[in-house]
Amino acid sequence: MSDWFRVAADGRVTLTLHIQPGAKKTEIAGLHGDALKIRLAAPPVDGKANEALVKFVAEALKLPKSAVNLKSGQTSRRKVLEVQGATTEAVARLVQAE
């Protein structure tokens, strides 16, 4: 089990992420300490980066956007997402997708 994601007893997956908004393109950049680093092309203005993050993670896990919820870090680079319906294998593959 990795430090950047945890699986709850009810199957929900919690992701700890380090976000770099305003990047040239949206991509997974590997591990950053105990978090998964994601570069976002969206600017950190008016929640655009948060929207882009939820959409990117949902698409990467092949889930609807409604399955991904931003739990904390609305104005921080460090964010915690809660994902419903994702398999542990799919989440672990995010690191290999870099």
Foldseek 3Di string as FASTA:
>chain_A
DALQWDADPVGKIKGKEQEAECDPDWAWDADDVRHTYIYHNHHLPPQRRVVRVLVVVCVQQVHDSVQKDWDDDSPHRITMIIGHPGDPVSVVCRNVRD
